[in-house]
Amino acid sequence: MIGAVPVQNAVLMTGYGYGKRWTDNDEEHNNNNVLLGVFIGGTIGGIFQSFVMSPIELIKVSQQVVGTSVSKAATSVVSGLLPSSNNSKSSAWRGLGATLLRDGIPHGVWFVSYEFAKVELTKMRNGSNNNVMEGDDDSTTTTQDEIAIPMLSGAFAATTAWGVGYPFDLIKTRIQAGKSVGIVSTARDIVKESKDGRACYGLYRGFGLKLLRSIPASAIGFLTYETAAKALSSRG
């Protein structure tokens, strides 16, 4: 499962990079166009990665929730990747619809939120730098900004993206565990099982734990991306 993470990140960051390069051709370089570009790039990247992650996560869910061994779950998923005469509806793609809803638009939101926060934090920092006392070390301040801004923006992006996509992650897990069938019916079952039938309580159960994992990962991921992009551009 861990081996799929680099592939997943590569697909997503490629979509983000293409979205930014597409908007670089805009002579006016309007920030709204930049946000639109990274949203489209992130959404397309999220859709592509769904087809990679859905079968892999089905193996993980089968192991952790259902109790199936890794080898048995992997064999079942691999054998079902392509439909056959005896399997018109491939079990390997169970939960794909919910995965697409979790990874498509929410990843567009992820990159838009990051880009928006990065621009706003940069503006705020530039404004404060104008008031820097003479004699302060500008190089130290710049280095700190190059670390702090991507990490803070990445943390904000993770929060907003999972705020949009988390219910579909919960639905996907239920479907892949075989406890429910269909996105709408699964969502209805989750709400019915929640306290007082409240939709938010049911569909966002465990949301805090998800953020504890995703916020550091997003912050470090964007810092790594920006550092690598800067190093590559300086060589070019």
Protein backbone atom coordinates (compact mmCIF):
# COMPACT_ATOMS: atom_id res chain seq x y z
CA MET A 1 0.00 0.00 0.00
CA ILE A 2 2.84 2.37 0.88
CA GLY A 3 4.39 1.83 -2.54
CA ALA A 4 1.36 3.41 -4.20
CA VAL A 5 1.77 6.73 -2.36
CA PRO A 6 4.62 8.06 -4.55
CA VAL A 7 2.61 7.21 -7.68
CA GLN A 8 -0.46 8.91 -6.22
CA ASN A 9 1.49 12.06 -5.31
CA ALA A 10 3.22 12.13 -8.70
CA VAL A 11 -0.12 12.02 -10.54
CA LEU A 12 -1.61 14.78 -8.39
CA MET A 13 1.40 17.10 -8.53
CA THR A 14 1.67 16.58 -12.29
CA GLY A 15 -1.92 17.76 -12.66
CA TYR A 16 -1.17 20.77 -10.45
CA GLY A 17 1.96 21.59 -12.44
CA TYR A 18 0.18 21.37 -15.80
CA GLY A 19 -2.61 23.59 -14.48
CA LYS A 20 -0.11 26.26 -13.41
CA ARG A 21 1.81 26.10 -16.69
CA TRP A 22 -1.43 26.44 -18.63
CA THR A 23 -2.20 29.70 -16.85
CA ASP A 24 1.38 30.94 -17.29
CA ASN A 25 0.48 31.56 -20.92
CA ASP A 26 -2.09 34.13 -19.80
CA GLU A 27 -0.53 37.51 -20.56
CA GLU A 28 -2.59 39.24 -17.86
CA HIS A 29 -1.76 36.48 -15.37
CA ASN A 30 -5.05 37.06 -13.61
CA ASN A 31 -5.15 35.30 -10.25
CA ASN A 32 -8.67 34.00 -10.98
CA ASN A 33 -7.33 32.29 -14.10
CA VAL A 34 -4.52 30.77 -12.07
CA LEU A 35 -7.01 29.36 -9.58
CA LEU A 36 -9.15 27.99 -12.40
CA GLY A 37 -6.11 26.35 -13.96
CA VAL A 38 -4.95 24.62 -10.79
CA PHE A 39 -8.54 23.58 -10.02
CA ILE A 40 -8.89 21.89 -13.41
CA GLY A 41 -5.42 20.35 -13.15
CA GLY A 42 -6.06 19.09 -9.62
CA THR A 43 -9.46 17.67 -10.50
CA ILE A 44 -8.11 15.82 -13.55
CA GLY A 45 -5.19 14.52 -11.50
CA GLY A 46 -7.60 13.36 -8.80
CA ILE A 47 -9.76 11.53 -11.34
CA PHE A 48 -6.75 9.73 -12.81
CA GLN A 49 -5.43 8.71 -9.41
CA SER A 50 -8.85 7.28 -8.49
CA PHE A 51 -8.30 4.49 -10.99
CA VAL A 52 -4.96 3.72 -9.33
CA MET A 53 -6.06 3.99 -5.71
CA SER A 54 -9.52 2.41 -5.83
CA PRO A 55 -8.32 -1.21 -6.32
CA ILE A 56 -5.44 -0.67 -3.87
CA GLU A 57 -7.74 0.71 -1.20
CA LEU A 58 -10.14 -2.17 -1.80
CA ILE A 59 -7.31 -4.52 -0.83
CA LYS A 60 -6.61 -2.44 2.28
CA VAL A 61 -10.27 -2.35 3.33
CA SER A 62 -10.66 -6.09 2.71
CA GLN A 63 -7.70 -6.71 4.99
CA GLN A 64 -8.47 -4.23 7.76
CA VAL A 65 -12.28 -4.31 7.91
CA VAL A 66 -13.35 -7.64 6.45
CA GLY A 67 -10.36 -9.55 7.83
CA THR A 68 -9.22 -11.05 4.54
CA SER A 69 -5.51 -11.83 4.19
CA VAL A 70 -3.47 -9.51 1.99
CA SER A 71 -2.63 -12.25 -0.52
CA LYS A 72 -6.25 -13.39 -0.82
CA ALA A 73 -7.56 -9.82 -1.14
CA ALA A 74 -4.90 -8.92 -3.71
CA THR A 75 -5.61 -12.05 -5.77
CA SER A 76 -9.32 -11.31 -5.77
CA VAL A 77 -8.83 -7.70 -6.84
CA VAL A 78 -6.26 -8.48 -9.53
CA SER A 79 -8.43 -11.25 -11.01
CA GLY A 80 -11.35 -8.84 -11.13
CA LEU A 81 -9.58 -5.89 -12.75
CA LEU A 82 -11.01 -6.83 -16.13
CA PRO A 83 -14.60 -8.02 -16.60
CA SER A 84 -15.09 -11.59 -17.77
CA SER A 85 -18.04 -13.64 -18.96
CA ASN A 86 -18.56 -14.85 -15.40
CA ASN A 87 -18.12 -11.43 -13.84
CA SER A 88 -20.01 -8.74 -15.73
CA LYS A 89 -19.52 -6.25 -12.91
CA SER A 90 -15.91 -6.37 -11.80
CA SER A 91 -15.52 -6.55 -8.02
CA ALA A 92 -12.11 -4.88 -8.34
CA TRP A 93 -13.81 -1.57 -9.04
CA ARG A 94 -16.25 -1.73 -6.13
CA GLY A 95 -16.46 1.75 -4.62
CA LEU A 96 -14.94 3.46 -7.67
CA GLY A 97 -17.85 5.92 -7.98
CA ALA A 98 -17.38 7.13 -4.40
CA THR A 99 -13.61 7.24 -4.92
CA LEU A 100 -14.08 9.51 -7.94
CA LEU A 101 -16.29 11.83 -5.88
CA ARG A 102 -13.71 11.86 -3.10
CA ASP A 103 -10.67 12.42 -5.33
CA GLY A 104 -11.99 14.52 -8.23
CA ILE A 105 -13.39 17.90 -7.21
CA PRO A 106 -11.91 17.75 -3.66
CA HIS A 107 -8.41 17.63 -5.12
CA GLY A 108 -9.28 20.61 -7.29
CA VAL A 109 -10.34 22.34 -4.06
CA TRP A 110 -7.10 21.19 -2.44
CA PHE A 111 -4.90 22.90 -5.03
CA VAL A 112 -7.08 26.02 -5.28
CA SER A 113 -6.99 26.41 -1.50
CA TYR A 114 -3.22 25.99 -1.48
CA GLU A 115 -2.67 28.51 -4.27
CA PHE A 116 -5.06 31.02 -2.69
CA ALA A 117 -3.47 30.72 0.75
CA LYS A 118 0.05 30.94 -0.69
CA VAL A 119 -0.76 34.15 -2.59
CA GLU A 120 -2.48 35.77 0.39
CA LEU A 121 0.26 34.80 2.85
CA THR A 122 2.90 36.08 0.43
CA LYS A 123 1.08 39.41 0.17
CA MET A 124 0.86 39.67 3.95
CA ARG A 125 4.52 38.79 4.34
CA ASN A 126 5.64 41.25 1.68
CA GLY A 127 3.69 43.97 3.45
CA SER A 128 5.36 43.19 6.74
CA ASN A 129 8.79 43.00 5.08
CA ASN A 130 8.43 46.64 4.05
CA ASN A 131 8.53 47.49 7.74
CA VAL A 132 11.59 45.37 8.52
CA MET A 133 14.14 47.22 10.60
CA GLU A 134 17.38 48.12 8.84
CA GLY A 135 20.07 45.59 9.67
CA ASP A 136 17.76 42.59 9.81
CA ASP A 137 18.96 39.54 7.87
CA ASP A 138 16.76 39.41 4.74
CA SER A 139 18.19 36.05 3.66
CA THR A 140 17.09 34.41 6.92
CA THR A 141 13.63 35.91 6.60
CA THR A 142 13.33 34.69 3.00
CA THR A 143 14.37 31.16 3.94
CA GLN A 144 11.83 31.09 6.75
CA ASP A 145 9.12 32.29 4.36
CA GLU A 146 10.03 29.62 1.83
CA ILE A 147 9.37 27.02 4.51
CA ALA A 148 6.49 28.55 6.46
CA ILE A 149 4.28 29.71 3.57
CA PRO A 150 4.08 26.35 1.72
CA MET A 151 3.53 24.45 4.97
CA LEU A 152 0.81 26.78 6.29
CA SER A 153 -0.86 26.86 2.87
CA GLY A 154 -0.68 23.08 2.63
CA ALA A 155 -2.28 22.71 6.05
CA PHE A 156 -5.12 25.03 5.05
CA ALA A 157 -5.57 23.17 1.75
CA ALA A 158 -5.86 19.79 3.47
CA THR A 159 -8.54 21.09 5.81
CA THR A 160 -10.71 22.54 3.05
CA ALA A 161 -10.25 19.61 0.67
CA TRP A 162 -11.18 16.98 3.23
CA GLY A 163 -14.06 19.18 4.36
CA VAL A 164 -15.46 18.64 0.87
CA GLY A 165 -14.37 15.05 0.24
CA TYR A 166 -14.50 13.30 3.62
CA PRO A 167 -18.13 12.09 3.44
CA PHE A 168 -17.34 10.28 0.19
CA ASP A 169 -14.31 8.64 1.82
CA LEU A 170 -16.59 7.27 4.52
CA ILE A 171 -19.11 6.11 1.92
CA LYS A 172 -16.36 4.48 -0.17
CA THR A 173 -15.09 2.49 2.80
CA ARG A 174 -18.58 1.20 3.60
CA ILE A 175 -19.15 0.14 0.00
CA GLN A 176 -15.76 -1.55 -0.33
CA ALA A 177 -16.31 -3.39 2.95
CA GLY A 178 -19.47 -4.84 1.44
CA LYS A 179 -21.73 -3.31 4.08
CA SER A 180 -23.68 -1.17 1.62
CA VAL A 181 -24.38 -0.82 -2.10
CA GLY A 182 -24.81 2.52 -3.87
CA ILE A 183 -23.60 5.97 -2.89
CA VAL A 184 -26.98 7.50 -2.04
CA SER A 185 -28.25 4.49 -0.10
CA THR A 186 -24.97 4.24 1.81
CA ALA A 187 -25.12 7.93 2.75
CA ARG A 188 -28.70 7.45 3.91
CA ASP A 189 -27.69 4.46 6.06
CA ILE A 190 -24.83 6.40 7.65
CA VAL A 191 -27.13 9.30 8.52
CA LYS A 192 -29.73 6.92 10.00
CA GLU A 193 -27.06 5.32 12.18
CA SER A 194 -25.79 8.68 13.43
CA LYS A 195 -26.86 10.37 16.63
CA ASP A 196 -30.36 11.82 16.23
CA GLY A 197 -30.09 11.21 12.47
CA ARG A 198 -27.93 14.29 12.00
CA ALA A 199 -26.23 14.25 8.58
CA CYS A 200 -23.10 16.17 9.60
CA TYR A 201 -22.52 14.03 12.67
CA GLY A 202 -22.74 10.82 10.69
CA LEU A 203 -20.96 11.79 7.47
CA TYR A 204 -18.10 13.51 9.33
CA ARG A 205 -17.52 10.86 11.98
CA GLY A 206 -13.75 10.49 12.42
CA PHE A 207 -13.05 13.73 10.56
CA GLY A 208 -10.68 15.02 13.25
CA LEU A 209 -8.50 11.90 13.06
CA LYS A 210 -8.33 12.24 9.29
CA LEU A 211 -7.08 15.83 9.64
CA LEU A 212 -4.41 14.76 12.15
CA ARG A 213 -2.89 12.61 9.42
CA SER A 214 -3.62 14.66 6.31
CA ILE A 215 -2.55 18.13 7.51
CA PRO A 216 1.12 17.23 8.19
CA ALA A 217 1.25 15.16 4.99
CA SER A 218 -0.13 18.03 2.92
CA ALA A 219 2.17 20.60 4.51
CA ILE A 220 5.28 18.48 3.95
CA GLY A 221 4.15 17.47 0.47
CA PHE A 222 3.76 21.04 -0.77
CA LEU A 223 7.01 22.11 0.87
CA THR A 224 8.78 19.27 -0.94
CA TYR A 225 7.13 20.22 -4.24
CA GLU A 226 8.03 23.91 -3.97
CA THR A 227 11.62 23.10 -2.94
CA ALA A 228 12.06 20.68 -5.85
CA ALA A 229 10.45 23.07 -8.33
CA LYS A 230 12.73 25.91 -7.22
CA ALA A 231 15.82 23.71 -7.50
CA LEU A 232 14.88 22.52 -10.99
CA SER A 233 14.06 26.03 -12.22
CA SER A 234 17.40 27.38 -10.96
CA ARG A 235 19.21 24.71 -12.96
CA GLY A 236 17.21 25.56 -16.09
